[in-house]
Amino acid sequence: MDSVPQEPTSQNSELSANEIRMRNLIPFQPGYDERRNAGGRPKKKHLTEALEALLEKNPKESLAIAKAMLKRARKGSVTHFQEIADRTEGKVGNDPASVTNNTFFVMLDAPRPHKADE
C-alpha cells in the first residue's frame, strides 16, 4: 500500500491569534538587548526645549506671557492663578512635611424625617 504524502499543514492554522502572539513574545535577556532604551526616558519634553529656545532669543516675550497670565488670573481664571502659584511657591504636597497620615471621622447629626400621620 503506497502512502500518499500529505501536504504539510501549518501549526499556525490550528492556533488562535492570541496563541500566535504569545509564541512571538521574546523575553529580555540579561545584558545588552537592542530593544532596551539605554539612555532612559528623555529628561525634558521636546515642546519644553523648543519653548526654552524661543524664549531665550526674546526675553521680552516671556515677560509678556507672564503679564498675560497675571492679567487672566486677576480676572478670575483659576487655572492661571494655579499655574502662577505652582511656579512661584511650588506644587502643593511636593515636600514630605506636607504629607500626613491623619484620619478624620465626620459625624453628621441630622434629624430623621418625620412620618406623616395617617
PDB file of N, CA and C in Angstrom:
ATOM      1  N   MET A   1       0.829  -1.153   0.000  1.00  0.00           N
ATOM      2  CA  MET A   1       0.000   0.000   0.000  1.00  0.00           C
ATOM      3  C   MET A   1       0.888   1.236   0.000  1.00  0.00           C
ATOM      4  N   ASP A   2       0.757   2.054  -1.019  1.00  0.00           N
ATOM      5  CA  ASP A   2       1.552   3.274  -1.119  1.00  0.00           C
ATOM      6  C   ASP A   2       0.867   4.382  -0.332  1.00  0.00           C
ATOM      7  N   SER A   3       1.657   5.054   0.501  1.00  0.00           N
ATOM      8  CA  SER A   3       1.084   6.181   1.231  1.00  0.00           C
ATOM      9  C   SER A   3       1.324   7.451   0.438  1.00  0.00           C
ATOM     10  N   VAL A   4       0.305   8.214   0.302  1.00  0.00           N
ATOM     11  CA  VAL A   4       0.396   9.464  -0.437  1.00  0.00           C
ATOM     12  C   VAL A   4       0.897  10.533   0.531  1.00  0.00           C
ATOM     13  N   PRO A   5       2.004  11.202   0.191  1.00  0.00           N
ATOM     14  CA  PRO A   5       2.490  12.237   1.101  1.00  0.00           C
ATOM     15  C   PRO A   5       1.467  13.368   1.207  1.00  0.00           C
ATOM     16  N   GLN A   6       1.201  13.715   2.425  1.00  0.00           N
ATOM     17  CA  GLN A   6       0.248  14.793   2.644  1.00  0.00           C
ATOM     18  C   GLN A   6       0.984  16.128   2.667  1.00  0.00           C
ATOM     19  N   GLU A   7       0.278  17.107   2.244  1.00  0.00           N
ATOM     20  CA  GLU A   7       0.850  18.435   2.242  1.00  0.00           C
ATOM     21  C   GLU A   7       1.033  18.875   3.695  1.00  0.00           C
ATOM     22  N   PRO A   8       2.204  19.393   4.051  1.00  0.00           N
ATOM     23  CA  PRO A   8       2.415  19.784   5.446  1.00  0.00           C
ATOM     24  C   PRO A   8       1.427  20.885   5.845  1.00  0.00           C
ATOM     25  N   THR A   9       0.833  20.690   6.987  1.00  0.00           N
ATOM     26  CA  THR A   9      -0.122  21.690   7.481  1.00  0.00           C
ATOM     27  C   THR A   9       0.602  22.628   8.427  1.00  0.00           C
ATOM     28  N   SER A  10       0.227  23.844   8.385  1.00  0.00           N
ATOM     29  CA  SER A  10       0.832  24.841   9.269  1.00  0.00           C
ATOM     30  C   SER A  10       0.226  24.706  10.651  1.00  0.00           C
ATOM     31  N   GLN A  11       1.090  24.742  11.656  1.00  0.00           N
ATOM     32  CA  GLN A  11       0.587  24.681  13.020  1.00  0.00           C
ATOM     33  C   GLN A  11      -0.178  25.953  13.356  1.00  0.00           C
ATOM     34  N   ASN A  12       0.164  27.032  12.685  1.00  0.00           N
ATOM     35  CA  ASN A  12      -0.478  28.302  12.985  1.00  0.00           C
ATOM     36  C   ASN A  12      -1.960  28.305  12.628  1.00  0.00           C
ATOM     37  N   SER A  13      -2.366  27.479  11.667  1.00  0.00           N
ATOM     38  CA  SER A  13      -3.776  27.477  11.301  1.00  0.00           C
ATOM     39  C   SER A  13      -4.631  26.882  12.411  1.00  0.00           C
ATOM     40  N   GLU A  14      -4.027  26.089  13.292  1.00  0.00           N
ATOM     41  CA  GLU A  14      -4.770  25.475  14.381  1.00  0.00           C
ATOM     42  C   GLU A  14      -4.753  26.333  15.644  1.00  0.00           C
ATOM     43  N   LEU A  15      -3.897  27.334  15.673  1.00  0.00           N
ATOM     44  CA  LEU A  15      -3.760  28.168  16.858  1.00  0.00           C
ATOM     45  C   LEU A  15      -4.613  29.426  16.742  1.00  0.00           C
ATOM     46  N   SER A  16      -5.035  29.926  17.873  1.00  0.00           N
ATOM     47  CA  SER A  16      -5.777  31.187  17.874  1.00  0.00           C
ATOM     48  C   SER A  16      -4.784  32.337  17.682  1.00  0.00           C
ATOM     49  N   ALA A  17      -5.330  33.489  17.388  1.00  0.00           N
ATOM     50  CA  ALA A  17      -4.477  34.662  17.181  1.00  0.00           C
ATOM     51  C   ALA A  17      -3.703  34.999  18.452  1.00  0.00           C
ATOM     52  N   ASN A  18      -4.323  34.832  19.607  1.00  0.00           N
ATOM     53  CA  ASN A  18      -3.656  35.117  20.870  1.00  0.00           C
ATOM     54  C   ASN A  18      -2.497  34.150  21.101  1.00  0.00           C
ATOM     55  N   GLU A  19      -2.675  32.889  20.767  1.00  0.00           N
ATOM     56  CA  GLU A  19      -1.596  31.907  20.953  1.00  0.00           C
ATOM     57  C   GLU A  19      -0.427  32.205  20.022  1.00  0.00           C
ATOM     58  N   ILE A  20      -0.718  32.677  18.825  1.00  0.00           N
ATOM     59  CA  ILE A  20       0.349  33.034  17.884  1.00  0.00           C
ATOM     60  C   ILE A  20       1.147  34.216  18.433  1.00  0.00           C
ATOM     61  N   ARG A  21       0.435  35.220  18.978  1.00  0.00           N
ATOM     62  CA  ARG A  21       1.127  36.375  19.558  1.00  0.00           C
ATOM     63  C   ARG A  21       1.979  35.946  20.745  1.00  0.00           C
ATOM     64  N   MET A  22       1.465  35.033  21.551  1.00  0.00           N
ATOM     65  CA  MET A  22       2.219  34.584  22.721  1.00  0.00           C
ATOM     66  C   MET A  22       3.493  33.851  22.305  1.00  0.00           C
ATOM     67  N   ARG A  23       3.460  33.106  21.203  1.00  0.00           N
ATOM     68  CA  ARG A  23       4.655  32.411  20.728  1.00  0.00           C
ATOM     69  C   ARG A  23       5.711  33.395  20.237  1.00  0.00           C
ATOM     70  N   ASN A  24       5.265  34.570  19.760  1.00  0.00           N
ATOM     71  CA  ASN A  24       6.203  35.556  19.226  1.00  0.00           C
ATOM     72  C   ASN A  24       6.874  36.384  20.314  1.00  0.00           C
ATOM     73  N   LEU A  25       6.395  36.285  21.546  1.00  0.00           N
ATOM     74  CA  LEU A  25       6.999  37.052  22.631  1.00  0.00           C
ATOM     75  C   LEU A  25       8.383  36.526  22.958  1.00  0.00           C
ATOM     76  N   ILE A  26       9.324  37.442  23.049  1.00  0.00           N
ATOM     77  CA  ILE A  26      10.692  37.076  23.382  1.00  0.00           C
ATOM     78  C   ILE A  26      11.057  37.835  24.649  1.00  0.00           C
ATOM     79  N   PRO A  27      11.365  37.142  25.734  1.00  0.00           N
ATOM     80  CA  PRO A  27      11.701  37.859  26.970  1.00  0.00           C
ATOM     81  C   PRO A  27      13.058  38.549  26.856  1.00  0.00           C
ATOM     82  N   PHE A  28      13.217  39.620  27.628  1.00  0.00           N
ATOM     83  CA  PHE A  28      14.504  40.299  27.669  1.00  0.00           C
ATOM     84  C   PHE A  28      15.540  39.387  28.302  1.00  0.00           C
ATOM     85  N   GLN A  29      16.737  39.413  27.753  1.00  0.00           N
ATOM     86  CA  GLN A  29      17.838  38.636  28.288  1.00  0.00           C
ATOM     87  C   GLN A  29      18.741  39.575  29.083  1.00  0.00           C
ATOM     88  N   PRO A  30      19.411  39.062  30.107  1.00  0.00           N
ATOM     89  CA  PRO A  30      20.347  39.917  30.840  1.00  0.00           C
ATOM     90  C   PRO A  30      21.451  40.409  29.910  1.00  0.00           C
ATOM     91  N   GLY A  31      21.909  41.626  30.162  1.00  0.00           N
ATOM     92  CA  GLY A  31      22.970  42.183  29.331  1.00  0.00           C
ATOM     93  C   GLY A  31      22.405  43.081  28.254  1.00  0.00           C
ATOM     94  N   TYR A  32      23.118  43.164  27.134  1.00  0.00           N
ATOM     95  CA  TYR A  32      22.728  44.063  26.064  1.00  0.00           C
ATOM     96  C   TYR A  32      21.543  43.504  25.296  1.00  0.00           C
ATOM     97  N   ASP A  33      20.595  44.344  25.013  1.00  0.00           N
ATOM     98  CA  ASP A  33      19.457  43.995  24.170  1.00  0.00           C
ATOM     99  C   ASP A  33      19.084  45.251  23.406  1.00  0.00           C
ATOM    100  N   GLU A  34      19.077  45.176  22.059  1.00  0.00           N
ATOM    101  CA  GLU A  34      18.855  46.370  21.251  1.00  0.00           C
ATOM    102  C   GLU A  34      17.458  46.958  21.447  1.00  0.00           C
ATOM    103  N   ARG A  35      16.541  46.214  22.035  1.00  0.00           N
ATOM    104  CA  ARG A  35      15.187  46.731  22.257  1.00  0.00           C
ATOM    105  C   ARG A  35      15.115  47.642  23.468  1.00  0.00           C
ATOM    106  N   ARG A  36      16.110  47.618  24.302  1.00  0.00           N
ATOM    107  CA  ARG A  36      16.102  48.458  25.502  1.00  0.00           C
ATOM    108  C   ARG A  36      16.519  49.878  25.165  1.00  0.00           C
ATOM    109  N   ASN A  37      16.028  50.817  25.941  1.00  0.00           N
ATOM    110  CA  ASN A  37      16.407  52.213  25.790  1.00  0.00           C
ATOM    111  C   ASN A  37      17.501  52.493  26.813  1.00  0.00           C
ATOM    112  N   ALA A  38      18.737  52.386  26.373  1.00  0.00           N
ATOM    113  CA  ALA A  38      19.872  52.503  27.288  1.00  0.00           C
ATOM    114  C   ALA A  38      19.962  53.882  27.929  1.00  0.00           C
ATOM    115  N   GLY A  39      19.546  54.913  27.198  1.00  0.00           N
ATOM    116  CA  GLY A  39      19.621  56.272  27.733  1.00  0.00           C
ATOM    117  C   GLY A  39      18.496  56.602  28.690  1.00  0.00           C
ATOM    118  N   GLY A  40      17.496  55.755  28.781  1.00  0.00           N
ATOM    119  CA  GLY A  40      16.353  56.025  29.643  1.00  0.00           C
ATOM    120  C   GLY A  40      15.394  57.013  29.015  1.00  0.00           C
ATOM    121  N   ARG A  41      14.426  57.395  29.778  1.00  0.00           N
ATOM    122  CA  ARG A  41      13.434  58.343  29.296  1.00  0.00           C
ATOM    123  C   ARG A  41      14.074  59.724  29.181  1.00  0.00           C
ATOM    124  N   PRO A  42      13.730  60.480  28.133  1.00  0.00           N
ATOM    125  CA  PRO A  42      14.297  61.822  27.998  1.00  0.00           C
ATOM    126  C   PRO A  42      13.932  62.680  29.202  1.00  0.00           C
ATOM    127  N   LYS A  43      14.874  63.502  29.645  1.00  0.00           N
ATOM    128  CA  LYS A  43      14.667  64.311  30.838  1.00  0.00           C
ATOM    129  C   LYS A  43      13.700  65.456  30.581  1.00  0.00           C
ATOM    130  N   LYS A  44      13.680  65.981  29.347  1.00  0.00           N
ATOM    131  CA  LYS A  44      12.785  67.079  29.008  1.00  0.00           C
ATOM    132  C   LYS A  44      11.952  66.679  27.805  1.00  0.00           C
ATOM    133  N   LYS A  45      10.851  67.306  27.684  1.00  0.00           N
ATOM    134  CA  LYS A  45       9.990  67.098  26.525  1.00  0.00           C
ATOM    135  C   LYS A  45      10.464  67.985  25.379  1.00  0.00           C
ATOM    136  N   HIS A  46      10.139  67.592  24.171  1.00  0.00           N
ATOM    137  CA  HIS A  46      10.558  68.351  23.001  1.00  0.00           C
ATOM    138  C   HIS A  46       9.919  69.736  22.986  1.00  0.00           C
ATOM    139  N   LEU A  47       8.667  69.824  23.416  1.00  0.00           N
ATOM    140  CA  LEU A  47       7.995  71.117  23.450  1.00  0.00           C
ATOM    141  C   LEU A  47       8.691  72.063  24.422  1.00  0.00           C
ATOM    142  N   THR A  48       9.108  71.540  25.573  1.00  0.00           N
ATOM    143  CA  THR A  48       9.807  72.371  26.566  1.00  0.00           C
ATOM    144  C   THR A  48      11.102  72.917  25.981  1.00  0.00           C
ATOM    145  N   GLU A  49      11.852  72.071  25.295  1.00  0.00           N
ATOM    146  CA  GLU A  49      13.115  72.515  24.702  1.00  0.00           C
ATOM    147  C   GLU A  49      12.878  73.572  23.629  1.00  0.00           C
ATOM    148  N   ALA A  50      11.836  73.392  22.825  1.00  0.00           N
ATOM    149  CA  ALA A  50      11.536  74.358  21.767  1.00  0.00           C
ATOM    150  C   ALA A  50      11.123  75.705  22.367  1.00  0.00           C
ATOM    151  N   LEU A  51      10.272  75.655  23.395  1.00  0.00           N
ATOM    152  CA  LEU A  51       9.852  76.906  24.034  1.00  0.00           C
ATOM    153  C   LEU A  51      11.020  77.613  24.707  1.00  0.00           C
ATOM    154  N   GLU A  52      11.897  76.867  25.371  1.00  0.00           N
ATOM    155  CA  GLU A  52      13.064  77.479  26.007  1.00  0.00           C
ATOM    156  C   GLU A  52      13.952  78.154  24.979  1.00  0.00           C
ATOM    157  N   ALA A  53      14.134  77.502  23.833  1.00  0.00           N
ATOM    158  CA  ALA A  53      14.979  78.092  22.788  1.00  0.00           C
ATOM    159  C   ALA A  53      14.369  79.394  22.266  1.00  0.00           C
ATOM    160  N   LEU A  54      13.051  79.409  22.063  1.00  0.00           N
ATOM    161  CA  LEU A  54      12.395  80.617  21.569  1.00  0.00           C
ATOM    162  C   LEU A  54      12.429  81.737  22.603  1.00  0.00           C
ATOM    163  N   LEU A  55      12.213  81.399  23.872  1.00  0.00           N
ATOM    164  CA  LEU A  55      12.172  82.426  24.912  1.00  0.00           C
ATOM    165  C   LEU A  55      13.560  82.965  25.244  1.00  0.00           C
ATOM    166  N   GLU A  56      14.610  82.156  25.035  1.00  0.00           N
ATOM    167  CA  GLU A  56      15.968  82.649  25.256  1.00  0.00           C
ATOM    168  C   GLU A  56      16.337  83.710  24.219  1.00  0.00           C
ATOM    169  N   LYS A  57      15.816  83.558  22.989  1.00  0.00           N
ATOM    170  CA  LYS A  57      16.102  84.523  21.936  1.00  0.00           C
ATOM    171  C   LYS A  57      15.409  85.856  22.197  1.00  0.00           C
ATOM    172  N   ASN A  58      14.236  85.806  22.825  1.00  0.00           N
ATOM    173  CA  ASN A  58      13.454  87.016  23.045  1.00  0.00           C
ATOM    174  C   ASN A  58      12.932  87.033  24.479  1.00  0.00           C
ATOM    175  N   PRO A  59      13.707  87.560  25.436  1.00  0.00           N
ATOM    176  CA  PRO A  59      13.276  87.570  26.828  1.00  0.00           C
ATOM    177  C   PRO A  59      12.040  88.440  27.077  1.00  0.00           C
ATOM    178  N   LYS A  60      11.809  89.439  26.222  1.00  0.00           N
ATOM    179  CA  LYS A  60      10.630  90.274  26.384  1.00  0.00           C
ATOM    180  C   LYS A  60       9.350  89.466  26.157  1.00  0.00           C
ATOM    181  N   GLU A  61       9.446  88.445  25.341  1.00  0.00           N
ATOM    182  CA  GLU A  61       8.291  87.573  25.070  1.00  0.00           C
ATOM    183  C   GLU A  61       7.865  86.838  26.334  1.00  0.00           C
ATOM    184  N   SER A  62       8.830  86.335  27.092  1.00  0.00           N
ATOM    185  CA  SER A  62       8.484  85.624  28.328  1.00  0.00           C
ATOM    186  C   SER A  62       7.860  86.568  29.347  1.00  0.00           C
ATOM    187  N   LEU A  63       8.327  87.808  29.383  1.00  0.00           N
ATOM    188  CA  LEU A  63       7.736  88.791  30.280  1.00  0.00           C
ATOM    189  C   LEU A  63       6.300  89.100  29.855  1.00  0.00           C
ATOM    190  N   ALA A  64       6.051  89.189  28.556  1.00  0.00           N
ATOM    191  CA  ALA A  64       4.699  89.449  28.049  1.00  0.00           C
ATOM    192  C   ALA A  64       3.764  88.283  28.392  1.00  0.00           C
ATOM    193  N   ILE A  65       4.264  87.066  28.288  1.00  0.00           N
ATOM    194  CA  ILE A  65       3.461  85.889  28.630  1.00  0.00           C
ATOM    195  C   ILE A  65       3.126  85.900  30.118  1.00  0.00           C
ATOM    196  N   ALA A  66       4.106  86.206  30.945  1.00  0.00           N
ATOM    197  CA  ALA A  66       3.875  86.255  32.394  1.00  0.00           C
ATOM    198  C   ALA A  66       2.848  87.328  32.743  1.00  0.00           C
ATOM    199  N   LYS A  67       2.935  88.489  32.098  1.00  0.00           N
ATOM    200  CA  LYS A  67       1.966  89.561  32.353  1.00  0.00           C
ATOM    201  C   LYS A  67       0.557  89.138  31.921  1.00  0.00           C
ATOM    202  N   ALA A  68       0.467  88.447  30.786  1.00  0.00           N
ATOM    203  CA  ALA A  68      -0.840  87.993  30.303  1.00  0.00           C
ATOM    204  C   ALA A  68      -1.445  86.967  31.265  1.00  0.00           C
ATOM    205  N   MET A  69      -0.613  86.070  31.787  1.00  0.00           N
ATOM    206  CA  MET A  69      -1.108  85.089  32.760  1.00  0.00           C
ATOM    207  C   MET A  69      -1.593  85.782  34.025  1.00  0.00           C
ATOM    208  N   LEU A  70      -0.848  86.773  34.487  1.00  0.00           N
ATOM    209  CA  LEU A  70      -1.236  87.518  35.680  1.00  0.00           C
ATOM    210  C   LEU A  70      -2.547  88.282  35.458  1.00  0.00           C
ATOM    211  N   LYS A  71      -2.701  88.847  34.269  1.00  0.00           N
ATOM    212  CA  LYS A  71      -3.928  89.578  33.941  1.00  0.00           C
ATOM    213  C   LYS A  71      -5.128  88.640  33.959  1.00  0.00           C
ATOM    214  N   ARG A  72      -4.969  87.425  33.365  1.00  0.00           N
ATOM    215  CA  ARG A  72      -6.070  86.445  33.355  1.00  0.00           C
ATOM    216  C   ARG A  72      -6.383  85.963  34.769  1.00  0.00           C
ATOM    217  N   ALA A  73      -5.357  85.805  35.603  1.00  0.00           N
ATOM    218  CA  ALA A  73      -5.578  85.367  36.983  1.00  0.00           C
ATOM    219  C   ALA A  73      -6.346  86.431  37.761  1.00  0.00           C
ATOM    220  N   ARG A  74      -6.031  87.698  37.523  1.00  0.00           N
ATOM    221  CA  ARG A  74      -6.736  88.788  38.203  1.00  0.00           C
ATOM    222  C   ARG A  74      -8.204  88.861  37.803  1.00  0.00           C
ATOM    223  N   LYS A  75      -8.507  88.420  36.569  1.00  0.00           N
ATOM    224  CA  LYS A  75      -9.895  88.427  36.106  1.00  0.00           C
ATOM    225  C   LYS A  75     -10.680  87.238  36.646  1.00  0.00           C
ATOM    226  N   GLY A  76      -9.988  86.317  37.333  1.00  0.00           N
ATOM    227  CA  GLY A  76     -10.703  85.206  37.958  1.00  0.00           C
ATOM    228  C   GLY A  76     -10.419  83.843  37.376  1.00  0.00           C
ATOM    229  N   SER A  77      -9.442  83.718  36.500  1.00  0.00           N
ATOM    230  CA  SER A  77      -9.119  82.412  35.931  1.00  0.00           C
ATOM    231  C   SER A  77      -8.370  81.571  36.967  1.00  0.00           C
ATOM    232  N   VAL A  78      -9.033  80.548  37.460  1.00  0.00           N
ATOM    233  CA  VAL A  78      -8.431  79.687  38.477  1.00  0.00           C
ATOM    234  C   VAL A  78      -7.237  78.935  37.896  1.00  0.00           C
ATOM    235  N   THR A  79      -7.334  78.524  36.653  1.00  0.00           N
ATOM    236  CA  THR A  79      -6.235  77.792  36.011  1.00  0.00           C
ATOM    237  C   THR A  79      -4.965  78.634  35.960  1.00  0.00           C
ATOM    238  N   HIS A  80      -5.109  79.888  35.571  1.00  0.00           N
ATOM    239  CA  HIS A  80      -3.937  80.759  35.501  1.00  0.00           C
ATOM    240  C   HIS A  80      -3.380  81.058  36.892  1.00  0.00           C
ATOM    241  N   PHE A  81      -4.279  81.270  37.853  1.00  0.00           N
ATOM    242  CA  PHE A  81      -3.823  81.501  39.225  1.00  0.00           C
ATOM    243  C   PHE A  81      -3.065  80.287  39.754  1.00  0.00           C
ATOM    244  N   GLN A  82      -3.604  79.096  39.495  1.00  0.00           N
ATOM    245  CA  GLN A  82      -2.957  77.870  39.972  1.00  0.00           C
ATOM    246  C   GLN A  82      -1.577  77.695  39.335  1.00  0.00           C
ATOM    247  N   GLU A  83      -1.465  77.992  38.061  1.00  0.00           N
ATOM    248  CA  GLU A  83      -0.170  77.870  37.385  1.00  0.00           C
ATOM    249  C   GLU A  83       0.842  78.851  37.968  1.00  0.00           C
ATOM    250  N   ILE A  84       0.409  80.078  38.230  1.00  0.00           N
ATOM    251  CA  ILE A  84       1.308  81.071  38.826  1.00  0.00           C
ATOM    252  C   ILE A  84       1.734  80.620  40.215  1.00  0.00           C
ATOM    253  N   ALA A  85       0.784  80.128  41.014  1.00  0.00           N
ATOM    254  CA  ALA A  85       1.107  79.662  42.363  1.00  0.00           C
ATOM    255  C   ALA A  85       2.067  78.478  42.322  1.00  0.00           C
ATOM    256  N   ASP A  86       1.845  77.548  41.400  1.00  0.00           N
ATOM    257  CA  ASP A  86       2.732  76.388  41.285  1.00  0.00           C
ATOM    258  C   ASP A  86       4.140  76.805  40.892  1.00  0.00           C
ATOM    259  N   ARG A  87       4.250  77.787  40.009  1.00  0.00           N
ATOM    260  CA  ARG A  87       5.565  78.235  39.547  1.00  0.00           C
ATOM    261  C   ARG A  87       6.303  79.032  40.619  1.00  0.00           C
ATOM    262  N   THR A  88       5.575  79.806  41.420  1.00  0.00           N
ATOM    263  CA  THR A  88       6.240  80.664  42.395  1.00  0.00           C
ATOM    264  C   THR A  88       6.437  79.988  43.746  1.00  0.00           C
ATOM    265  N   GLU A  89       5.452  79.205  44.199  1.00  0.00           N
ATOM    266  CA  GLU A  89       5.519  78.616  45.538  1.00  0.00           C
ATOM    267  C   GLU A  89       5.743  77.108  45.518  1.00  0.00           C
ATOM    268  N   GLY A  90       5.739  76.518  44.355  1.00  0.00           N
ATOM    269  CA  GLY A  90       5.892  75.068  44.254  1.00  0.00           C
ATOM    270  C   GLY A  90       4.538  74.386  44.358  1.00  0.00           C
ATOM    271  N   LYS A  91       4.462  73.202  43.783  1.00  0.00           N
ATOM    272  CA  LYS A  91       3.200  72.474  43.813  1.00  0.00           C
ATOM    273  C   LYS A  91       2.883  72.024  45.228  1.00  0.00           C
ATOM    274  N   VAL A  92       1.619  72.000  45.556  1.00  0.00           N
ATOM    275  CA  VAL A  92       1.182  71.603  46.886  1.00  0.00           C
ATOM    276  C   VAL A  92       1.448  70.110  47.070  1.00  0.00           C
ATOM    277  N   GLY A  93       2.049  69.781  48.207  1.00  0.00           N
ATOM    278  CA  GLY A  93       2.278  68.369  48.512  1.00  0.00           C
ATOM    279  C   GLY A  93       3.575  67.812  47.983  1.00  0.00           C
ATOM    280  N   ASN A  94       4.485  68.646  47.483  1.00  0.00           N
ATOM    281  CA  ASN A  94       5.758  68.141  46.979  1.00  0.00           C
ATOM    282  C   ASN A  94       6.714  67.741  48.098  1.00  0.00           C
ATOM    283  N   ASP A  95       6.645  68.432  49.223  1.00  0.00           N
ATOM    284  CA  ASP A  95       7.589  68.136  50.292  1.00  0.00           C
ATOM    285  C   ASP A  95       6.990  67.105  51.254  1.00  0.00           C
ATOM    286  N   PRO A  96       7.840  66.232  51.812  1.00  0.00           N
ATOM    287  CA  PRO A  96       7.340  65.186  52.711  1.00  0.00           C
ATOM    288  C   PRO A  96       6.686  65.734  53.972  1.00  0.00           C
ATOM    289  N   ALA A  97       7.012  66.955  54.378  1.00  0.00           N
ATOM    290  CA  ALA A  97       6.436  67.524  55.592  1.00  0.00           C
ATOM    291  C   ALA A  97       4.947  67.816  55.430  1.00  0.00           C
ATOM    292  N   SER A  98       4.506  68.045  54.184  1.00  0.00           N
ATOM    293  CA  SER A  98       3.098  68.374  53.973  1.00  0.00           C
ATOM    294  C   SER A  98       2.217  67.129  53.880  1.00  0.00           C
ATOM    295  N   VAL A  99       2.836  65.969  53.779  1.00  0.00           N
ATOM    296  CA  VAL A  99       2.065  64.727  53.670  1.00  0.00           C
ATOM    297  C   VAL A  99       1.919  64.130  55.064  1.00  0.00           C
ATOM    298  N   THR A 100       0.680  63.945  55.492  1.00  0.00           N
ATOM    299  CA  THR A 100       0.419  63.354  56.806  1.00  0.00           C
ATOM    300  C   THR A 100      -0.516  62.170  56.649  1.00  0.00           C
ATOM    301  N   ASN A 101      -0.515  61.327  57.631  1.00  0.00           N
ATOM    302  CA  ASN A 101      -1.376  60.151  57.613  1.00  0.00           C
ATOM    303  C   ASN A 101      -2.475  60.288  58.656  1.00  0.00           C
ATOM    304  N   ASN A 102      -3.137  61.408  58.681  1.00  0.00           N
ATOM    305  CA  ASN A 102      -4.213  61.635  59.629  1.00  0.00           C
ATOM    306  C   ASN A 102      -5.518  61.098  59.067  1.00  0.00           C
ATOM    307  N   THR A 103      -6.320  60.538  59.936  1.00  0.00           N
ATOM    308  CA  THR A 103      -7.632  60.059  59.554  1.00  0.00           C
ATOM    309  C   THR A 103      -8.667  60.875  60.300  1.00  0.00           C
ATOM    310  N   PHE A 104      -9.642  61.371  59.587  1.00  0.00           N
ATOM    311  CA  PHE A 104     -10.691  62.171  60.195  1.00  0.00           C
ATOM    312  C   PHE A 104     -12.013  61.431  60.063  1.00  0.00           C
ATOM    313  N   PHE A 105     -12.773  61.422  61.142  1.00  0.00           N
ATOM    314  CA  PHE A 105     -14.108  60.854  61.128  1.00  0.00           C
ATOM    315  C   PHE A 105     -15.090  62.006  61.289  1.00  0.00           C
ATOM    316  N   VAL A 106     -16.023  62.080  60.401  1.00  0.00           N
ATOM    317  CA  VAL A 106     -17.006  63.150  60.446  1.00  0.00           C
ATOM    318  C   VAL A 106     -18.362  62.527  60.728  1.00  0.00           C
ATOM    319  N   MET A 107     -19.023  63.024  61.777  1.00  0.00           N
ATOM    320  CA  MET A 107     -20.354  62.534  62.108  1.00  0.00           C
ATOM    321  C   MET A 107     -21.328  63.681  61.906  1.00  0.00           C
ATOM    322  N   LEU A 108     -22.343  63.416  61.152  1.00  0.00           N
ATOM    323  CA  LEU A 108     -23.362  64.424  60.916  1.00  0.00           C
ATOM    324  C   LEU A 108     -24.571  64.082  61.764  1.00  0.00           C
ATOM    325  N   ASP A 109     -25.061  65.057  62.483  1.00  0.00           N
ATOM    326  CA  ASP A 109     -26.238  64.850  63.310  1.00  0.00           C
ATOM    327  C   ASP A 109     -27.390  65.590  62.643  1.00  0.00           C
ATOM    328  N   ALA A 110     -28.185  64.836  61.928  1.00  0.00           N
ATOM    329  CA  ALA A 110     -29.312  65.425  61.224  1.00  0.00           C
ATOM    330  C   ALA A 110     -30.590  64.759  61.731  1.00  0.00           C
ATOM    331  N   PRO A 111     -31.646  65.522  61.870  1.00  0.00           N
ATOM    332  CA  PRO A 111     -32.892  64.905  62.332  1.00  0.00           C
ATOM    333  C   PRO A 111     -33.456  63.964  61.284  1.00  0.00           C
ATOM    334  N   ARG A 112     -34.069  62.911  61.773  1.00  0.00           N
ATOM    335  CA  ARG A 112     -34.703  61.962  60.849  1.00  0.00           C
ATOM    336  C   ARG A 112     -36.015  62.562  60.354  1.00  0.00           C
ATOM    337  N   PRO A 113     -36.367  62.244  59.139  1.00  0.00           N
ATOM    338  CA  PRO A 113     -37.622  62.780  58.628  1.00  0.00           C
ATOM    339  C   PRO A 113     -38.812  62.189  59.392  1.00  0.00           C
ATOM    340  N   HIS A 114     -39.801  63.005  59.655  1.00  0.00           N
ATOM    341  CA  HIS A 114     -40.985  62.551  60.368  1.00  0.00           C
ATOM    342  C   HIS A 114     -41.912  61.807  59.435  1.00  0.00           C
ATOM    343  N   LYS A 115     -42.519  60.773  59.964  1.00  0.00           N
ATOM    344  CA  LYS A 115     -43.516  60.057  59.185  1.00  0.00           C
ATOM    345  C   LYS A 115     -44.814  60.843  59.247  1.00  0.00           C
ATOM    346  N   ALA A 116     -45.454  60.890  58.152  1.00  0.00           N
ATOM    347  CA  ALA A 116     -46.717  61.605  58.097  1.00  0.00           C
ATOM    348  C   ALA A 116     -47.774  60.813  58.881  1.00  0.00           C
ATOM    349  N   ASP A 117     -48.570  61.498  59.678  1.00  0.00           N
ATOM    350  CA  ASP A 117     -49.634  60.813  60.438  1.00  0.00           C
ATOM    351  C   ASP A 117     -50.734  60.385  59.473  1.00  0.00           C
ATOM    352  N   GLU A 118     -51.159  59.173  59.673  1.00  0.00           N
ATOM    353  CA  GLU A 118     -52.200  58.651  58.797  1.00  0.00           C
ATOM    354  C   GLU A 118     -53.540  58.778  59.407  1.00  0.00           C
TER     355      GLU A 118
END
